Protein backbone atom coordinates (compact mmCIF):
# COMPACT_ATOMS: atom_id res chain seq x y z
CA UNK A 1 7.75 -11.63 12.77
CA UNK A 2 6.00 -10.57 9.61
CA UNK A 3 3.99 -13.83 9.65
CA UNK A 4 1.86 -12.43 12.42
CA UNK A 5 1.77 -9.10 10.67
CA UNK A 6 -0.03 -10.33 7.62
CA UNK A 7 -2.23 -12.93 9.78
CA UNK A 8 -3.55 -9.57 11.94
CA UNK A 9 -3.74 -7.84 8.70
CA UNK A 10 -6.05 -10.52 6.96
CA UNK A 11 -8.28 -10.97 9.49
CA UNK A 12 -11.85 -10.83 8.32
CA UNK A 13 -14.61 -9.61 10.25
CA UNK A 14 -12.50 -7.07 11.92
CA UNK A 15 -12.39 -3.08 10.99
CA UNK A 16 -9.13 -1.27 10.14
CA UNK A 17 -9.76 0.51 13.87
CA UNK A 18 -10.29 -2.69 15.66
CA UNK A 19 -6.87 -4.48 14.17
CA UNK A 20 -5.45 -0.95 15.73
CA UNK A 21 -7.06 -1.36 18.99
CA UNK A 22 -5.26 -4.89 19.56
CA UNK A 23 -1.99 -3.96 18.11
CA UNK A 24 -1.97 -0.77 20.77
CA UNK A 25 -3.48 -3.26 23.46
CA UNK A 26 -0.97 -6.61 22.83
CA UNK A 27 1.85 -4.46 21.51
CA UNK A 28 2.49 -7.06 18.51
CA UNK A 29 0.99 -8.95 16.25
CA UNK A 30 2.71 -11.83 17.82
CA UNK A 31 1.70 -11.62 21.26
CA UNK A 32 -2.08 -10.88 19.72
CA UNK A 33 -1.82 -14.10 17.70
CA UNK A 34 -0.75 -16.21 20.91
CA UNK A 35 -3.43 -14.54 23.35
CA UNK A 36 -6.51 -16.43 24.66
CA UNK A 37 -10.08 -15.71 23.67
CA UNK A 38 -10.80 -14.53 27.36
CA UNK A 39 -8.01 -11.70 26.45
CA UNK A 40 -9.74 -10.55 23.59
CA UNK A 41 -13.25 -10.48 25.19
CA UNK A 42 -11.61 -8.14 27.82
CA UNK A 43 -11.19 -5.28 24.88
CA UNK A 44 -14.52 -3.49 25.12
CA UNK A 45 -13.85 -2.20 21.66
CA UNK A 46 -14.26 -5.26 19.95
CA UNK A 47 -17.02 -6.44 18.11
CA UNK A 48 -18.05 -10.29 18.57
CA UNK A 49 -17.29 -11.06 14.74
CA UNK A 50 -13.58 -9.47 15.80
CA UNK A 51 -13.40 -11.84 18.57
CA UNK A 52 -14.16 -14.62 16.38
CA UNK A 53 -11.59 -13.78 13.83
CA UNK A 54 -8.74 -13.29 16.46
CA UNK A 55 -9.68 -16.80 17.71
CA UNK A 56 -8.94 -18.36 14.33
CA UNK A 57 -5.24 -19.24 14.01
CA UNK A 58 -4.76 -20.86 10.80
CA UNK A 59 -1.68 -19.29 9.62
CA UNK A 60 -1.75 -20.85 6.23
CA UNK A 61 -3.00 -17.59 4.24
CA UNK A 62 -0.32 -15.38 5.58
CA UNK A 63 2.32 -17.85 4.70
CA UNK A 64 1.06 -18.20 1.50
CA UNK A 65 1.16 -14.18 0.80
CA UNK A 66 4.76 -14.28 2.76
CA UNK A 67 5.70 -16.98 0.18
CA UNK A 68 4.43 -15.01 -2.81
CA UNK A 69 6.13 -11.95 -1.95
CA UNK A 70 9.22 -13.57 -1.36
CA UNK A 71 8.96 -15.01 -5.07
CA UNK A 72 7.95 -11.83 -6.57
CA UNK A 73 10.15 -9.61 -4.78
CA UNK A 74 7.63 -7.90 -3.15
CA UNK A 75 8.58 -5.84 0.27
CA UNK A 76 6.12 -5.39 3.16
CA UNK A 77 6.06 -2.12 4.99
CA UNK A 78 4.19 -2.55 8.40
CA UNK A 79 2.42 -0.34 10.13
CA UNK A 80 5.08 0.52 13.24
CA UNK A 81 7.77 0.53 10.80
CA UNK A 82 9.93 4.34 10.79
CA UNK A 83 9.29 4.62 6.95
CA UNK A 84 5.84 4.04 6.67
CA UNK A 85 4.36 7.54 5.68
CA UNK A 86 3.00 9.33 8.63
CA UNK A 87 0.22 11.39 6.76
CA UNK A 88 -1.33 7.90 6.29
CA UNK A 89 -1.30 7.28 9.72
CA UNK A 90 -3.86 10.27 10.30
CA UNK A 91 -6.60 8.88 8.47
CA UNK A 92 -9.59 7.11 10.20
CA UNK A 93 -8.49 3.16 8.95
CA UNK A 94 -4.75 3.40 7.60
CA UNK A 95 -3.85 -0.13 6.14
CA UNK A 96 -1.88 -2.26 8.72
CA UNK A 97 0.70 -3.14 6.07
CA UNK A 98 1.52 -1.74 2.26
CA UNK A 99 3.12 -3.92 -0.30
CA UNK A 100 5.60 -2.48 -2.65
CA UNK A 101 8.04 -3.04 -5.51
CA UNK A 102 10.91 -0.65 -6.22
CA UNK A 103 12.47 2.54 -5.23
CA UNK A 104 10.82 3.07 -1.50
CA UNK A 105 10.99 7.04 -1.29
CA UNK A 106 11.08 9.40 1.79
CA UNK A 107 7.59 9.70 2.68
CA UNK A 108 8.13 11.69 5.75
CA UNK A 109 10.49 14.28 4.48
CA UNK A 110 10.31 14.28 0.61
CA UNK A 111 7.08 16.85 -0.61
CA UNK A 112 4.08 14.57 -2.37
CA UNK A 113 2.07 16.08 -5.24
CA UNK A 114 -0.64 13.79 -6.18
CA UNK A 115 -1.74 14.05 -9.64
CA UNK A 116 -4.85 12.21 -10.67
CA UNK A 117 -7.94 12.75 -13.22
CA UNK A 118 -10.08 11.28 -15.80
CA UNK A 119 -9.33 8.22 -17.82
CA UNK A 120 -10.89 9.48 -20.88
CA UNK A 121 -8.86 12.70 -21.30
CA UNK A 122 -8.14 15.38 -24.16
CA UNK A 123 -4.99 15.82 -25.65
CA UNK A 124 -4.86 19.02 -24.14
CA UNK A 125 -5.45 17.61 -20.69
CA UNK A 126 -2.71 14.65 -21.53
CA UNK A 127 -0.26 17.31 -22.52
CA UNK A 128 -0.94 19.51 -19.29
CA UNK A 129 -0.57 16.53 -17.04
CA UNK A 130 2.77 15.54 -18.43
CA UNK A 131 4.09 19.03 -18.21
CA UNK A 132 3.00 19.82 -14.60
CA UNK A 133 4.31 16.31 -13.29
CA UNK A 134 7.74 16.98 -14.97
CA UNK A 135 7.83 20.50 -13.50
CA UNK A 136 7.07 18.83 -9.92
CA UNK A 137 9.65 16.38 -10.30
CA UNK A 138 12.32 19.48 -11.38
CA UNK A 139 11.17 21.02 -8.24
CA UNK A 140 12.01 18.42 -6.04
CA UNK A 141 8.89 17.18 -5.52
CA UNK A 142 7.42 13.49 -5.70
CA UNK A 143 4.67 12.66 -8.17
CA UNK A 144 2.05 10.26 -6.66
CA UNK A 145 -0.66 9.07 -9.00
CA UNK A 146 -3.25 5.77 -9.25
CA UNK A 147 -1.31 4.48 -12.61
CA UNK A 148 -4.95 4.41 -14.27
CA UNK A 149 -5.27 5.01 -18.06
CA UNK A 150 -5.25 8.69 -19.21
CA UNK A 151 -4.39 11.57 -16.62
CA UNK A 152 -2.62 9.23 -14.20
CA UNK A 153 -0.55 7.53 -16.53
CA UNK A 154 0.83 10.71 -18.53
CA UNK A 155 1.50 12.28 -15.10
CA UNK A 156 3.90 9.26 -14.13
CA UNK A 157 5.33 9.50 -17.55
CA UNK A 158 5.93 13.02 -17.18
CA UNK A 159 7.67 12.56 -13.65
CA UNK A 160 9.84 9.72 -14.86
CA UNK A 161 11.25 11.52 -17.79
CA UNK A 162 13.32 13.70 -15.25
CA UNK A 163 14.80 10.78 -13.66
CA UNK A 164 12.99 11.07 -10.39
CA UNK A 165 11.23 8.44 -7.89
CA UNK A 166 7.56 8.31 -8.86
CA UNK A 167 5.21 6.57 -6.74
CA UNK A 168 1.80 4.30 -7.98
CA UNK A 169 -0.64 3.56 -5.58
CA UNK A 170 -2.50 0.63 -6.70
CA UNK A 171 -6.07 -0.79 -6.44
CA UNK A 172 -4.59 -4.38 -6.54
CA UNK A 173 -1.75 -6.50 -5.84
CA UNK A 174 1.61 -4.68 -6.93
CA UNK A 175 2.00 -7.71 -9.47
CA UNK A 176 -0.80 -7.08 -11.01
CA UNK A 177 -0.57 -4.85 -14.63
CA UNK A 178 -3.73 -2.84 -15.04
CA UNK A 179 -4.65 -1.68 -17.06
CA UNK A 180 -2.94 -3.96 -19.32
CA UNK A 181 -2.17 -1.28 -22.13
CA UNK A 182 0.26 0.31 -19.00
CA UNK A 183 2.54 -2.90 -19.09
CA UNK A 184 5.50 -1.01 -20.17
CA UNK A 185 4.79 1.80 -17.66
CA UNK A 186 4.46 -0.87 -14.89
CA UNK A 187 7.74 -2.36 -15.86
CA UNK A 188 9.72 1.04 -15.88
CA UNK A 189 7.95 1.94 -12.61
CA UNK A 190 9.31 -1.55 -10.48
CA UNK A 191 12.77 -0.16 -12.11
CA UNK A 192 12.82 3.63 -11.55
CA UNK A 193 9.87 4.28 -9.17
CA UNK A 194 7.57 2.60 -6.50
CA UNK A 195 4.47 0.40 -6.74
CA UNK A 196 2.77 0.23 -3.62
CA UNK A 197 -0.52 -1.35 -2.28
CA UNK A 198 -2.56 -2.23 0.59
CA UNK A 199 -3.24 -5.47 -1.13
CA UNK A 200 -0.93 -8.72 -1.04
CA UNK A 201 0.02 -9.92 -4.41
CA UNK A 202 -2.22 -11.44 -7.15
CA UNK A 203 -5.01 -9.26 -5.71
CA UNK A 204 -7.16 -8.37 -8.68
């Protein structure tokens, strides 16, 4: 159940690696939730703070996040979902959950190109970012950017102009418009692209 995924993902005092370890050990977040302290202590890779975090069975925060996702039409992608990006799993600390709005692309089959740059770009830089991103989209690639002001925003606009799926990777919740000057772009991404984040809704 998603509620237990969120509970495990929000354990304070645990590293991403420790969360992966307990997930592999118990097989599911639900089994991890109902385990006893003695079971946690049997896992050598866990720190004392991780054991204490797992012993906290308060699930209210997870329930609030799940309710917020339902209200704001935010979808959740779990670490073991076949649609989860395989390349992301190969980093040392992949997020256990991804929250998204919009159209989820085929992460594991479509070619992705990241286009990012300075927030204070020259007119030439902005035009180049737009043109490059438009060409990537025309050739069947998916542009991924950070949705920041400047190069990132222009790259997103260029790819969207071709009617292709674009991915905006955010450092806040997918319901948080940042920067505010990109509000119109965010709204278009919700309809035609994909806004994705490792952070739950309302995270600034």
